[in-house]
Protein backbone atom coordinates (compact mmCIF):
# COMPACT_ATOMS: atom_id res chain seq x y z
CA MET A 1 -0.16 -14.64 -2.34
CA ASN A 2 -2.10 -14.81 0.93
CA THR A 3 -2.74 -11.20 2.21
CA LYS A 4 -2.08 -12.18 5.88
CA VAL A 5 1.21 -13.86 4.95
CA PHE A 6 2.22 -10.79 2.85
CA LYS A 7 1.44 -8.39 5.75
CA ILE A 8 3.28 -10.55 8.27
CA GLY A 9 6.28 -10.78 5.94
CA LEU A 10 6.25 -7.01 5.37
CA ILE A 11 6.15 -6.33 9.12
CA ALA A 12 8.94 -8.78 9.68
CA MET A 13 11.14 -7.15 7.13
CA CYS A 14 10.56 -3.77 8.73
CA ALA A 15 11.28 -5.14 12.20
CA VAL A 16 14.53 -6.75 11.07
CA GLY A 17 15.57 -3.40 9.50
CA PHE A 18 15.56 -4.13 5.81
CA PHE A 19 12.93 -1.42 5.30
CA ALA A 20 11.81 -2.98 2.03
CA GLY A 21 9.30 -0.36 1.05
CA CYS A 22 8.36 0.36 4.64
CA GLY A 23 9.87 3.86 5.18
CA GLU A 24 7.71 6.97 5.13
CA LYS A 25 9.46 8.25 2.02
CA ASP A 26 9.21 4.94 0.10
CA GLU A 27 5.55 4.48 1.01
CA LEU A 28 4.48 7.91 0.07
CA ALA A 29 6.57 8.04 -3.03
CA TYR A 30 5.08 4.73 -4.29
CA LEU A 31 1.47 5.86 -3.68
CA ASN A 32 2.16 9.37 -5.14
CA GLU A 33 3.80 8.28 -8.34
CA ARG A 34 0.70 8.34 -10.43
CA GLU A 35 -2.96 7.45 -10.35
CA PHE A 36 -3.29 3.65 -10.69
CA THR A 37 -5.65 2.15 -13.27
CA LYS A 38 -8.73 0.07 -12.82
CA GLU A 39 -6.94 -2.73 -14.63
CA GLU A 40 -4.05 -2.62 -12.08
CA PHE A 41 -6.53 -2.77 -9.16
CA GLN A 42 -8.08 -5.95 -10.66
CA ASN A 43 -4.68 -7.70 -10.05
CA LYS A 44 -4.88 -9.32 -6.60
CA GLU A 45 -1.22 -9.01 -5.79
CA PHE A 46 -1.08 -5.40 -6.85
CA LEU A 47 -4.22 -4.66 -4.88
CA ASP A 48 -2.83 -6.23 -1.79
CA LYS A 49 0.45 -4.29 -2.11
CA VAL A 50 -1.29 -0.94 -2.51
CA SER A 51 -3.77 -1.56 0.33
CA THR A 52 -0.96 -2.70 2.59
CA HIS A 53 0.97 0.54 1.85
CA CYS A 54 -2.15 2.59 2.42
CA SER A 55 -2.85 0.88 5.74
CA PHE A 56 0.73 1.44 6.87
CA ALA A 57 0.58 5.14 5.92
CA ASP A 58 -2.79 5.47 7.67
CA GLN A 59 -1.64 3.62 10.85
CA ASN A 60 1.40 5.85 11.17
CA GLY A 61 -0.47 9.11 10.56
CA TYR A 62 1.30 10.06 7.31
CA ALA A 63 -0.38 12.84 5.41
CA LEU A 64 -1.18 11.66 1.87
CA LYS A 65 -1.19 13.85 -1.19
CA GLU A 66 -4.19 13.92 -3.50
CA VAL A 67 -2.97 11.14 -5.79
CA ALA A 68 -2.18 8.81 -2.94
CA ARG A 69 -5.53 9.45 -1.31
CA LYS A 70 -7.32 8.59 -4.54
CA ASN A 71 -5.22 5.43 -4.96
CA CYS A 72 -5.95 4.36 -1.38
CA SER A 73 -9.64 5.14 -1.79
CA ASN A 74 -9.76 3.02 -4.97
CA ALA A 75 -7.71 0.20 -3.41
CA PHE A 76 -10.18 -0.15 -0.54
CA TYR A 77 -13.15 0.10 -2.95
CA TYR A 78 -11.78 -2.82 -5.00
CA LEU A 79 -11.05 -4.81 -1.80
CA VAL A 80 -14.68 -4.77 -0.71
CA LYS A 81 -16.07 -5.05 -4.18
């Protein structure tokens, strides 16, 4: 899936009010569940999803717990790799 299309779709869903994974609680809960594996980050769709959630949390100033910070750090590492 194209990253740009995914991000536009995610923003559109939030704007319409469906809040499909866009709320603070949902974002942070998803990122804090567990430390994601290297194999998961090698999946492009998974990587796009995690990096989008991390960007959303960062842009909105949400404080991330240690697990989420590590997941976001790894996601951005694999994006530029």
